[in-house]
């Protein structure tokens, strides 16, 4: 996660790092990771299937 967030840039402050981690979790991880309770589909795929 450290390499993905800052790479070769200078380290951000604590609040900037917290905001970046929160954004990464909310915008990608929670939408794309597979859930066993959803039949090993991501929440985005599951919701799309319900909408059809």
PDB file of N, CA and C in Angstrom:
ATOM      1  N   UNK A   1       0.827  -1.173   0.000  1.00  0.00           N
ATOM      2  CA  UNK A   1       0.000   0.000   0.000  1.00  0.00           C
ATOM      3  C   UNK A   1       0.879   1.248   0.000  1.00  0.00           C
ATOM      4  N   UNK A   2       1.985   1.186   0.676  1.00  0.00           N
ATOM      5  CA  UNK A   2       2.876   2.341   0.751  1.00  0.00           C
ATOM      6  C   UNK A   2       3.365   2.733  -0.634  1.00  0.00           C
ATOM      7  N   UNK A   3       3.799   1.753  -1.435  1.00  0.00           N
ATOM      8  CA  UNK A   3       4.277   2.052  -2.776  1.00  0.00           C
ATOM      9  C   UNK A   3       3.171   2.595  -3.665  1.00  0.00           C
ATOM     10  N   UNK A   4       1.960   2.082  -3.516  1.00  0.00           N
ATOM     11  CA  UNK A   4       0.851   2.555  -4.323  1.00  0.00           C
ATOM     12  C   UNK A   4       0.464   3.986  -3.963  1.00  0.00           C
ATOM     13  N   UNK A   5       0.559   4.338  -2.698  1.00  0.00           N
ATOM     14  CA  UNK A   5       0.131   5.664  -2.271  1.00  0.00           C
ATOM     15  C   UNK A   5       1.143   6.754  -2.578  1.00  0.00           C
ATOM     16  N   UNK A   6       2.406   6.503  -2.265  1.00  0.00           N
ATOM     17  CA  UNK A   6       3.365   7.590  -2.402  1.00  0.00           C
ATOM     18  C   UNK A   6       4.469   7.313  -3.394  1.00  0.00           C
ATOM     19  N   UNK A   7       4.769   6.068  -3.708  1.00  0.00           N
ATOM     20  CA  UNK A   7       5.824   5.752  -4.663  1.00  0.00           C
ATOM     21  C   UNK A   7       7.132   6.425  -4.294  1.00  0.00           C
ATOM     22  N   UNK A   8       7.620   7.286  -5.180  1.00  0.00           N
ATOM     23  CA  UNK A   8       8.877   7.974  -4.933  1.00  0.00           C
ATOM     24  C   UNK A   8       8.674   9.416  -4.462  1.00  0.00           C
ATOM     25  N   UNK A   9       7.429   9.808  -4.217  1.00  0.00           N
ATOM     26  CA  UNK A   9       7.135  11.158  -3.742  1.00  0.00           C
ATOM     27  C   UNK A   9       7.502  11.280  -2.269  1.00  0.00           C
ATOM     28  N   UNK A  10       7.699  12.510  -1.792  1.00  0.00           N
ATOM     29  CA  UNK A  10       7.953  12.687  -0.360  1.00  0.00           C
ATOM     30  C   UNK A  10       6.750  12.198   0.459  1.00  0.00           C
ATOM     31  N   UNK A  11       7.009  11.793   1.658  1.00  0.00           N
ATOM     32  CA  UNK A  11       5.932  11.285   2.502  1.00  0.00           C
ATOM     33  C   UNK A  11       4.919  12.384   2.811  1.00  0.00           C
ATOM     34  N   UNK A  12       3.621  12.059   2.687  1.00  0.00           N
ATOM     35  CA  UNK A  12       2.602  13.049   3.034  1.00  0.00           C
ATOM     36  C   UNK A  12       2.468  13.154   4.554  1.00  0.00           C
ATOM     37  N   UNK A  13       1.769  14.151   5.002  1.00  0.00           N
ATOM     38  CA  UNK A  13       1.503  14.269   6.429  1.00  0.00           C
ATOM     39  C   UNK A  13       0.562  13.174   6.880  1.00  0.00           C
ATOM     40  N   UNK A  14       0.402  13.039   8.168  1.00  0.00           N
ATOM     41  CA  UNK A  14      -0.437  11.978   8.737  1.00  0.00           C
ATOM     42  C   UNK A  14      -1.884  12.073   8.252  1.00  0.00           C
ATOM     43  N   UNK A  15      -2.453  13.272   8.249  1.00  0.00           N
ATOM     44  CA  UNK A  15      -3.851  13.414   7.829  1.00  0.00           C
ATOM     45  C   UNK A  15      -4.008  13.137   6.338  1.00  0.00           C
ATOM     46  N   UNK A  16      -3.024  13.527   5.521  1.00  0.00           N
ATOM     47  CA  UNK A  16      -3.092  13.243   4.088  1.00  0.00           C
ATOM     48  C   UNK A  16      -2.979  11.741   3.837  1.00  0.00           C
ATOM     49  N   UNK A  17      -2.131  11.070   4.572  1.00  0.00           N
ATOM     50  CA  UNK A  17      -1.998   9.622   4.432  1.00  0.00           C
ATOM     51  C   UNK A  17      -3.282   8.922   4.855  1.00  0.00           C
ATOM     52  N   UNK A  18      -3.882   9.373   5.932  1.00  0.00           N
ATOM     53  CA  UNK A  18      -5.147   8.790   6.402  1.00  0.00           C
ATOM     54  C   UNK A  18      -6.230   8.962   5.337  1.00  0.00           C
ATOM     55  N   UNK A  19      -6.326  10.148   4.758  1.00  0.00           N
ATOM     56  CA  UNK A  19      -7.334  10.416   3.729  1.00  0.00           C
ATOM     57  C   UNK A  19      -7.094   9.551   2.491  1.00  0.00           C
ATOM     58  N   UNK A  20      -5.838   9.379   2.087  1.00  0.00           N
ATOM     59  CA  UNK A  20      -5.520   8.567   0.913  1.00  0.00           C
ATOM     60  C   UNK A  20      -5.859   7.100   1.146  1.00  0.00           C
ATOM     61  N   UNK A  21      -5.571   6.595   2.324  1.00  0.00           N
ATOM     62  CA  UNK A  21      -5.893   5.202   2.651  1.00  0.00           C
ATOM     63  C   UNK A  21      -7.404   5.009   2.669  1.00  0.00           C
ATOM     64  N   UNK A  22      -8.130   5.923   3.291  1.00  0.00           N
ATOM     65  CA  UNK A  22      -9.585   5.830   3.337  1.00  0.00           C
ATOM     66  C   UNK A  22     -10.171   5.847   1.932  1.00  0.00           C
ATOM     67  N   UNK A  23      -9.680   6.750   1.089  1.00  0.00           N
ATOM     68  CA  UNK A  23     -10.170   6.842  -0.287  1.00  0.00           C
ATOM     69  C   UNK A  23      -9.898   5.544  -1.045  1.00  0.00           C
ATOM     70  N   UNK A  24      -8.714   4.971  -0.872  1.00  0.00           N
ATOM     71  CA  UNK A  24      -8.386   3.723  -1.550  1.00  0.00           C
ATOM     72  C   UNK A  24      -9.276   2.578  -1.132  1.00  0.00           C
ATOM     73  N   UNK A  25      -9.563   2.499   0.139  1.00  0.00           N
ATOM     74  CA  UNK A  25     -10.422   1.429   0.638  1.00  0.00           C
ATOM     75  C   UNK A  25     -11.848   1.612   0.156  1.00  0.00           C
ATOM     76  N   UNK A  26     -12.380   2.813   0.283  1.00  0.00           N
ATOM     77  CA  UNK A  26     -13.767   3.063  -0.094  1.00  0.00           C
ATOM     78  C   UNK A  26     -13.995   3.033  -1.601  1.00  0.00           C
ATOM     79  N   UNK A  27     -13.036   3.505  -2.384  1.00  0.00           N
ATOM     80  CA  UNK A  27     -13.265   3.596  -3.823  1.00  0.00           C
ATOM     81  C   UNK A  27     -12.901   2.325  -4.580  1.00  0.00           C
ATOM     82  N   UNK A  28     -11.997   1.519  -4.083  1.00  0.00           N
ATOM     83  CA  UNK A  28     -11.648   0.314  -4.817  1.00  0.00           C
ATOM     84  C   UNK A  28     -11.912  -0.955  -4.017  1.00  0.00           C
ATOM     85  N   UNK A  29     -11.312  -1.068  -2.859  1.00  0.00           N
ATOM     86  CA  UNK A  29     -11.332  -2.331  -2.128  1.00  0.00           C
ATOM     87  C   UNK A  29     -12.753  -2.789  -1.796  1.00  0.00           C
ATOM     88  N   UNK A  30     -13.558  -1.911  -1.236  1.00  0.00           N
ATOM     89  CA  UNK A  30     -14.904  -2.312  -0.842  1.00  0.00           C
ATOM     90  C   UNK A  30     -15.805  -2.606  -2.032  1.00  0.00           C
ATOM     91  N   UNK A  31     -15.506  -2.060  -3.196  1.00  0.00           N
ATOM     92  CA  UNK A  31     -16.338  -2.302  -4.374  1.00  0.00           C
ATOM     93  C   UNK A  31     -15.894  -3.498  -5.203  1.00  0.00           C
ATOM     94  N   UNK A  32     -14.616  -3.862  -5.146  1.00  0.00           N
ATOM     95  CA  UNK A  32     -14.101  -4.868  -6.060  1.00  0.00           C
ATOM     96  C   UNK A  32     -13.686  -6.190  -5.422  1.00  0.00           C
ATOM     97  N   UNK A  33     -13.493  -6.224  -4.124  1.00  0.00           N
ATOM     98  CA  UNK A  33     -13.062  -7.493  -3.546  1.00  0.00           C
ATOM     99  C   UNK A  33     -14.229  -8.477  -3.536  1.00  0.00           C
ATOM    100  N   UNK A  34     -13.916  -9.739  -3.625  1.00  0.00           N
ATOM    101  CA  UNK A  34     -14.941 -10.777  -3.695  1.00  0.00           C
ATOM    102  C   UNK A  34     -15.433 -11.119  -2.294  1.00  0.00           C
ATOM    103  N   UNK A  35     -16.729 -11.334  -2.184  1.00  0.00           N
ATOM    104  CA  UNK A  35     -17.356 -11.694  -0.906  1.00  0.00           C
ATOM    105  C   UNK A  35     -17.960 -13.091  -1.023  1.00  0.00           C
ATOM    106  N   UNK A  36     -17.644 -13.940  -0.094  1.00  0.00           N
ATOM    107  CA  UNK A  36     -18.202 -15.293  -0.126  1.00  0.00           C
ATOM    108  C   UNK A  36     -19.711 -15.266   0.097  1.00  0.00           C
ATOM    109  N   UNK A  37     -20.208 -14.324   0.877  1.00  0.00           N
ATOM    110  CA  UNK A  37     -21.642 -14.251   1.143  1.00  0.00           C
ATOM    111  C   UNK A  37     -22.427 -13.779  -0.082  1.00  0.00           C
ATOM    112  N   UNK A  38     -21.741 -13.235  -1.093  1.00  0.00           N
ATOM    113  CA  UNK A  38     -22.398 -12.786  -2.320  1.00  0.00           C
ATOM    114  C   UNK A  38     -22.121 -13.745  -3.474  1.00  0.00           C
ATOM    115  N   UNK A  39     -21.745 -14.965  -3.148  1.00  0.00           N
ATOM    116  CA  UNK A  39     -21.445 -15.948  -4.181  1.00  0.00           C
ATOM    117  C   UNK A  39     -20.127 -15.672  -4.878  1.00  0.00           C
ATOM    118  N   UNK A  40     -19.166 -15.168  -4.132  1.00  0.00           N
ATOM    119  CA  UNK A  40     -17.833 -14.830  -4.639  1.00  0.00           C
ATOM    120  C   UNK A  40     -17.906 -13.827  -5.790  1.00  0.00           C
ATOM    121  N   UNK A  41     -18.784 -12.842  -5.617  1.00  0.00           N
ATOM    122  CA  UNK A  41     -18.874 -11.715  -6.549  1.00  0.00           C
ATOM    123  C   UNK A  41     -18.563 -10.450  -5.782  1.00  0.00           C
ATOM    124  N   UNK A  42     -18.150  -9.434  -6.511  1.00  0.00           N
ATOM    125  CA  UNK A  42     -17.900  -8.148  -5.870  1.00  0.00           C
ATOM    126  C   UNK A  42     -19.240  -7.479  -5.588  1.00  0.00           C
ATOM    127  N   UNK A  43     -19.288  -6.569  -4.616  1.00  0.00           N
ATOM    128  CA  UNK A  43     -20.537  -5.862  -4.354  1.00  0.00           C
ATOM    129  C   UNK A  43     -21.058  -5.120  -5.584  1.00  0.00           C
ATOM    130  N   UNK A  44     -20.168  -4.555  -6.397  1.00  0.00           N
ATOM    131  CA  UNK A  44     -20.600  -3.853  -7.607  1.00  0.00           C
ATOM    132  C   UNK A  44     -21.269  -4.818  -8.585  1.00  0.00           C
ATOM    133  N   UNK A  45     -20.690  -6.006  -8.779  1.00  0.00           N
ATOM    134  CA  UNK A  45     -21.290  -7.010  -9.662  1.00  0.00           C
ATOM    135  C   UNK A  45     -22.616  -7.511  -9.110  1.00  0.00           C
ATOM    136  N   UNK A  46     -22.676  -7.716  -7.815  1.00  0.00           N
ATOM    137  CA  UNK A  46     -23.896  -8.210  -7.176  1.00  0.00           C
ATOM    138  C   UNK A  46     -25.040  -7.208  -7.335  1.00  0.00           C
ATOM    139  N   UNK A  47     -24.755  -5.927  -7.086  1.00  0.00           N
ATOM    140  CA  UNK A  47     -25.781  -4.901  -7.219  1.00  0.00           C
ATOM    141  C   UNK A  47     -26.218  -4.727  -8.669  1.00  0.00           C
ATOM    142  N   UNK A  48     -25.264  -4.857  -9.598  1.00  0.00           N
ATOM    143  CA  UNK A  48     -25.612  -4.758 -11.011  1.00  0.00           C
ATOM    144  C   UNK A  48     -26.535  -5.897 -11.433  1.00  0.00           C
ATOM    145  N   UNK A  49     -26.292  -7.097 -10.906  1.00  0.00           N
ATOM    146  CA  UNK A  49     -27.132  -8.250 -11.223  1.00  0.00           C
ATOM    147  C   UNK A  49     -28.524  -8.075 -10.649  1.00  0.00           C
ATOM    148  N   UNK A  50     -28.643  -7.446  -9.484  1.00  0.00           N
ATOM    149  CA  UNK A  50     -29.966  -7.216  -8.892  1.00  0.00           C
ATOM    150  C   UNK A  50     -30.758  -6.167  -9.664  1.00  0.00           C
ATOM    151  N   UNK A  51     -30.068  -5.202 -10.250  1.00  0.00           N
ATOM    152  CA  UNK A  51     -30.726  -4.128 -10.965  1.00  0.00           C
ATOM    153  C   UNK A  51     -31.309  -4.586 -12.287  1.00  0.00           C
ATOM    154  N   UNK A  52     -30.793  -5.689 -12.835  1.00  0.00           N
ATOM    155  CA  UNK A  52     -31.265  -6.184 -14.157  1.00  0.00           C
ATOM    156  C   UNK A  52     -32.522  -6.961 -14.027  1.00  0.00           C
TER     157      UNK A  52
END
